[in-house]
N, C-alpha and C. Protein backbone atom coordinates (compact mmCIF):
# COMPACT_ATOMS: atom_id res chain seq x y z
N LEU A 1 53.05 102.52 -10.30
CA LEU A 1 51.77 102.06 -10.80
C LEU A 1 51.75 100.54 -10.86
N GLN A 2 50.63 100.00 -10.43
CA GLN A 2 50.46 98.55 -10.51
C GLN A 2 49.59 98.23 -11.70
N ARG A 3 49.93 97.15 -12.32
CA ARG A 3 49.14 96.67 -13.44
C ARG A 3 47.93 95.91 -12.93
N PRO A 4 46.74 96.16 -13.46
CA PRO A 4 45.58 95.39 -13.02
C PRO A 4 45.69 93.95 -13.54
N PRO A 5 45.19 92.99 -12.77
CA PRO A 5 45.26 91.60 -13.23
C PRO A 5 44.36 91.39 -14.44
N ALA A 6 44.74 90.45 -15.27
CA ALA A 6 43.93 90.11 -16.44
C ALA A 6 42.60 89.54 -15.97
N VAL A 7 41.55 89.95 -16.61
CA VAL A 7 40.21 89.52 -16.22
C VAL A 7 40.03 88.05 -16.56
N GLY A 8 39.53 87.28 -15.61
CA GLY A 8 39.23 85.87 -15.84
C GLY A 8 40.41 84.94 -15.64
N LEU A 9 41.60 85.47 -15.46
CA LEU A 9 42.76 84.60 -15.25
C LEU A 9 43.11 84.55 -13.78
N PRO A 10 43.46 83.38 -13.24
CA PRO A 10 43.80 83.30 -11.83
C PRO A 10 45.13 83.99 -11.56
N LEU A 11 45.25 84.51 -10.39
CA LEU A 11 46.51 85.12 -9.98
C LEU A 11 47.37 84.03 -9.37
N ILE A 12 48.29 83.52 -10.15
CA ILE A 12 49.12 82.40 -9.71
C ILE A 12 49.97 82.80 -8.51
N ALA A 13 50.42 84.03 -8.49
CA ALA A 13 51.28 84.47 -7.38
C ALA A 13 50.52 84.47 -6.06
N GLN A 14 49.21 84.68 -6.11
CA GLN A 14 48.44 84.73 -4.88
C GLN A 14 47.94 83.35 -4.44
N GLN A 15 48.04 82.37 -5.32
CA GLN A 15 47.59 81.03 -4.95
C GLN A 15 48.58 80.40 -3.99
N ASN A 16 48.09 79.50 -3.19
CA ASN A 16 48.92 78.84 -2.18
C ASN A 16 49.75 77.74 -2.86
N PRO A 17 51.07 77.89 -2.90
CA PRO A 17 51.90 76.88 -3.56
C PRO A 17 52.16 75.64 -2.71
N GLN A 18 51.64 75.59 -1.49
CA GLN A 18 51.88 74.45 -0.62
C GLN A 18 51.03 73.26 -1.07
N PRO A 19 51.53 72.06 -0.85
CA PRO A 19 50.74 70.88 -1.21
C PRO A 19 49.50 70.79 -0.32
N PRO A 20 48.47 70.12 -0.78
CA PRO A 20 47.24 70.01 0.00
C PRO A 20 47.48 69.25 1.29
N ALA A 21 46.71 69.58 2.29
CA ALA A 21 46.82 68.90 3.59
C ALA A 21 46.33 67.47 3.46
N SER A 22 46.67 66.65 4.43
CA SER A 22 46.31 65.23 4.36
C SER A 22 44.80 65.03 4.36
N GLY A 23 44.03 65.92 4.96
CA GLY A 23 42.58 65.80 4.97
C GLY A 23 41.98 65.97 3.59
N SER A 24 42.57 66.84 2.78
CA SER A 24 42.05 67.05 1.43
C SER A 24 42.38 65.88 0.52
N SER A 25 43.39 65.10 0.88
CA SER A 25 43.71 63.91 0.10
C SER A 25 42.56 62.91 0.18
N GLY A 26 41.97 62.80 1.35
CA GLY A 26 40.81 61.92 1.51
C GLY A 26 39.63 62.41 0.69
N LYS A 27 39.46 63.73 0.63
CA LYS A 27 38.38 64.30 -0.18
C LYS A 27 38.63 64.04 -1.65
N LEU A 28 39.89 64.16 -2.05
CA LEU A 28 40.24 63.91 -3.44
C LEU A 28 39.95 62.46 -3.81
N ASP A 29 40.30 61.54 -2.93
CA ASP A 29 40.02 60.12 -3.17
C ASP A 29 38.52 59.88 -3.26
N GLN A 30 37.76 60.55 -2.41
CA GLN A 30 36.31 60.39 -2.41
C GLN A 30 35.72 60.91 -3.72
N VAL A 31 36.19 62.06 -4.17
CA VAL A 31 35.70 62.63 -5.43
C VAL A 31 36.09 61.73 -6.60
N GLN A 32 37.32 61.21 -6.59
CA GLN A 32 37.76 60.31 -7.66
C GLN A 32 36.90 59.05 -7.68
N SER A 33 36.55 58.54 -6.52
CA SER A 33 35.70 57.36 -6.42
C SER A 33 34.31 57.66 -7.01
N GLN A 34 33.78 58.84 -6.70
CA GLN A 34 32.48 59.22 -7.24
C GLN A 34 32.54 59.38 -8.76
N VAL A 35 33.62 59.95 -9.25
CA VAL A 35 33.79 60.11 -10.70
C VAL A 35 33.83 58.74 -11.37
N ASN A 36 34.56 57.80 -10.79
CA ASN A 36 34.63 56.45 -11.35
C ASN A 36 33.26 55.78 -11.34
N GLU A 37 32.51 56.00 -10.27
CA GLU A 37 31.17 55.42 -10.19
C GLU A 37 30.26 55.99 -11.27
N VAL A 38 30.33 57.29 -11.49
CA VAL A 38 29.52 57.93 -12.52
C VAL A 38 29.92 57.43 -13.90
N LYS A 39 31.23 57.25 -14.13
CA LYS A 39 31.69 56.72 -15.42
C LYS A 39 31.13 55.33 -15.66
N ASP A 40 31.13 54.48 -14.63
CA ASP A 40 30.59 53.13 -14.77
C ASP A 40 29.10 53.17 -15.09
N ILE A 41 28.37 54.06 -14.42
CA ILE A 41 26.93 54.19 -14.68
C ILE A 41 26.69 54.67 -16.10
N LEU A 42 27.48 55.64 -16.56
CA LEU A 42 27.33 56.15 -17.92
C LEU A 42 27.61 55.06 -18.96
N LYS A 43 28.65 54.27 -18.73
CA LYS A 43 28.96 53.18 -19.66
C LYS A 43 27.82 52.17 -19.71
N ASP A 44 27.26 51.85 -18.54
CA ASP A 44 26.14 50.92 -18.47
C ASP A 44 24.93 51.48 -19.21
N ASN A 45 24.66 52.78 -19.03
CA ASN A 45 23.53 53.41 -19.71
C ASN A 45 23.73 53.42 -21.23
N ILE A 46 24.94 53.66 -21.67
CA ILE A 46 25.22 53.65 -23.11
C ILE A 46 24.99 52.26 -23.68
N ASP A 47 25.44 51.23 -22.97
CA ASP A 47 25.21 49.85 -23.42
C ASP A 47 23.72 49.57 -23.52
N LYS A 48 22.94 50.02 -22.53
CA LYS A 48 21.50 49.79 -22.54
C LYS A 48 20.84 50.52 -23.71
N VAL A 49 21.29 51.73 -24.00
CA VAL A 49 20.72 52.49 -25.13
C VAL A 49 21.01 51.78 -26.44
N LEU A 50 22.23 51.26 -26.59
CA LEU A 50 22.58 50.53 -27.81
C LEU A 50 21.74 49.27 -27.95
N GLU A 51 21.54 48.53 -26.86
CA GLU A 51 20.70 47.34 -26.89
C GLU A 51 19.26 47.70 -27.25
N ARG A 52 18.77 48.79 -26.67
CA ARG A 52 17.41 49.23 -26.96
C ARG A 52 17.28 49.59 -28.44
N GLY A 53 18.30 50.23 -29.00
CA GLY A 53 18.28 50.56 -30.42
C GLY A 53 18.23 49.32 -31.29
N ASP A 54 18.99 48.29 -30.90
CA ASP A 54 18.96 47.03 -31.64
C ASP A 54 17.57 46.40 -31.59
N ARG A 55 16.96 46.41 -30.40
CA ARG A 55 15.61 45.83 -30.26
C ARG A 55 14.59 46.63 -31.06
N LEU A 56 14.74 47.96 -31.08
CA LEU A 56 13.83 48.78 -31.87
C LEU A 56 13.97 48.49 -33.36
N ASN A 57 15.20 48.29 -33.83
CA ASN A 57 15.40 47.94 -35.23
C ASN A 57 14.76 46.60 -35.56
N GLU A 58 14.88 45.63 -34.66
CA GLU A 58 14.23 44.34 -34.87
C GLU A 58 12.71 44.50 -34.92
N LEU A 59 12.17 45.32 -34.04
CA LEU A 59 10.73 45.55 -34.02
C LEU A 59 10.27 46.24 -35.30
N ILE A 60 11.05 47.18 -35.79
CA ILE A 60 10.70 47.86 -37.05
C ILE A 60 10.70 46.86 -38.20
N ASP A 61 11.70 45.98 -38.24
CA ASP A 61 11.75 44.96 -39.29
C ASP A 61 10.54 44.04 -39.21
N LYS A 62 10.18 43.60 -38.01
CA LYS A 62 9.01 42.73 -37.85
C LYS A 62 7.73 43.46 -38.26
N THR A 63 7.64 44.74 -37.92
CA THR A 63 6.47 45.54 -38.29
C THR A 63 6.37 45.67 -39.80
N ASP A 64 7.49 45.91 -40.46
CA ASP A 64 7.49 46.00 -41.92
C ASP A 64 7.06 44.68 -42.54
N ASP A 65 7.56 43.57 -42.01
CA ASP A 65 7.17 42.25 -42.53
C ASP A 65 5.68 42.01 -42.32
N LEU A 66 5.18 42.35 -41.16
CA LEU A 66 3.76 42.16 -40.87
C LEU A 66 2.90 43.03 -41.76
N GLN A 67 3.33 44.26 -41.97
CA GLN A 67 2.58 45.17 -42.83
C GLN A 67 2.55 44.65 -44.26
N ALA A 68 3.67 44.11 -44.73
CA ALA A 68 3.72 43.57 -46.09
C ALA A 68 2.81 42.36 -46.22
N SER A 69 2.76 41.51 -45.21
CA SER A 69 1.92 40.32 -45.30
C SER A 69 0.44 40.67 -45.15
N VAL A 70 0.13 41.71 -44.41
CA VAL A 70 -1.27 42.10 -44.20
C VAL A 70 -1.79 42.91 -45.38
N SER A 71 -0.95 43.64 -46.05
CA SER A 71 -1.41 44.51 -47.13
C SER A 71 -2.06 43.72 -48.25
N GLY A 72 -1.62 42.48 -48.49
CA GLY A 72 -2.26 41.65 -49.50
C GLY A 72 -3.61 41.12 -49.05
N ALA A 73 -3.81 40.94 -47.76
CA ALA A 73 -5.05 40.38 -47.24
C ALA A 73 -6.04 41.46 -46.84
N THR A 74 -5.64 42.69 -46.84
CA THR A 74 -6.51 43.75 -46.35
C THR A 74 -7.80 43.89 -47.14
N PRO A 75 -7.79 43.87 -48.47
CA PRO A 75 -9.07 44.01 -49.19
C PRO A 75 -10.07 42.92 -48.80
N THR A 76 -9.60 41.71 -48.60
CA THR A 76 -10.50 40.62 -48.22
C THR A 76 -11.11 40.90 -46.85
N VAL A 77 -10.30 41.30 -45.92
CA VAL A 77 -10.78 41.59 -44.57
C VAL A 77 -11.75 42.77 -44.60
N VAL A 78 -11.40 43.80 -45.35
CA VAL A 78 -12.26 44.98 -45.45
C VAL A 78 -13.59 44.59 -46.07
N ASN A 79 -13.56 43.79 -47.13
CA ASN A 79 -14.81 43.35 -47.77
C ASN A 79 -15.67 42.55 -46.81
N GLN A 80 -15.06 41.68 -46.02
CA GLN A 80 -15.83 40.90 -45.06
C GLN A 80 -16.48 41.80 -44.02
N ILE A 81 -15.77 42.80 -43.57
CA ILE A 81 -16.33 43.72 -42.59
C ILE A 81 -17.48 44.51 -43.20
N ILE A 82 -17.30 44.99 -44.41
CA ILE A 82 -18.34 45.77 -45.08
C ILE A 82 -19.59 44.92 -45.27
N HIS A 83 -19.42 43.70 -45.75
CA HIS A 83 -20.58 42.83 -45.99
C HIS A 83 -21.26 42.45 -44.68
N SER A 84 -20.50 42.24 -43.64
CA SER A 84 -21.13 41.89 -42.36
C SER A 84 -21.87 43.10 -41.79
N GLN A 85 -21.38 44.29 -42.02
CA GLN A 85 -22.04 45.50 -41.53
C GLN A 85 -23.31 45.79 -42.33
N THR A 86 -23.27 45.58 -43.64
CA THR A 86 -24.44 45.89 -44.46
C THR A 86 -25.54 44.86 -44.25
N ASN A 87 -25.18 43.65 -43.90
CA ASN A 87 -26.19 42.62 -43.68
C ASN A 87 -26.75 42.65 -42.26
N THR A 88 -26.19 43.44 -41.41
CA THR A 88 -26.67 43.53 -40.04
C THR A 88 -27.73 44.61 -39.97
N LYS A 89 -28.86 44.25 -39.38
CA LYS A 89 -29.94 45.23 -39.24
C LYS A 89 -29.90 45.78 -37.83
N TYR A 90 -30.04 47.08 -37.75
CA TYR A 90 -30.03 47.74 -36.44
C TYR A 90 -31.45 48.17 -36.10
N PHE A 91 -31.99 47.67 -35.01
CA PHE A 91 -33.32 48.07 -34.56
C PHE A 91 -33.25 48.65 -33.20
């Protein structure tokens, strides 16, 4: 009786123990080069995301400052708009 192979596990005995041919070495180098290129792109994208986050935080701070400075002047502006609208006659 033969034992059935474990499900999902490779059969090491059936795998080719010989080293890869010289042609596959070139493919391996090509794949490694592509992996390195993708890593560089990912690092660049992460840096850009961090910079964007910093700029967004600065924009939020400026918006908060602007909102605080405008909130004191808002009643005056609103009153001016209301008075200009009520004094305008529409025909």
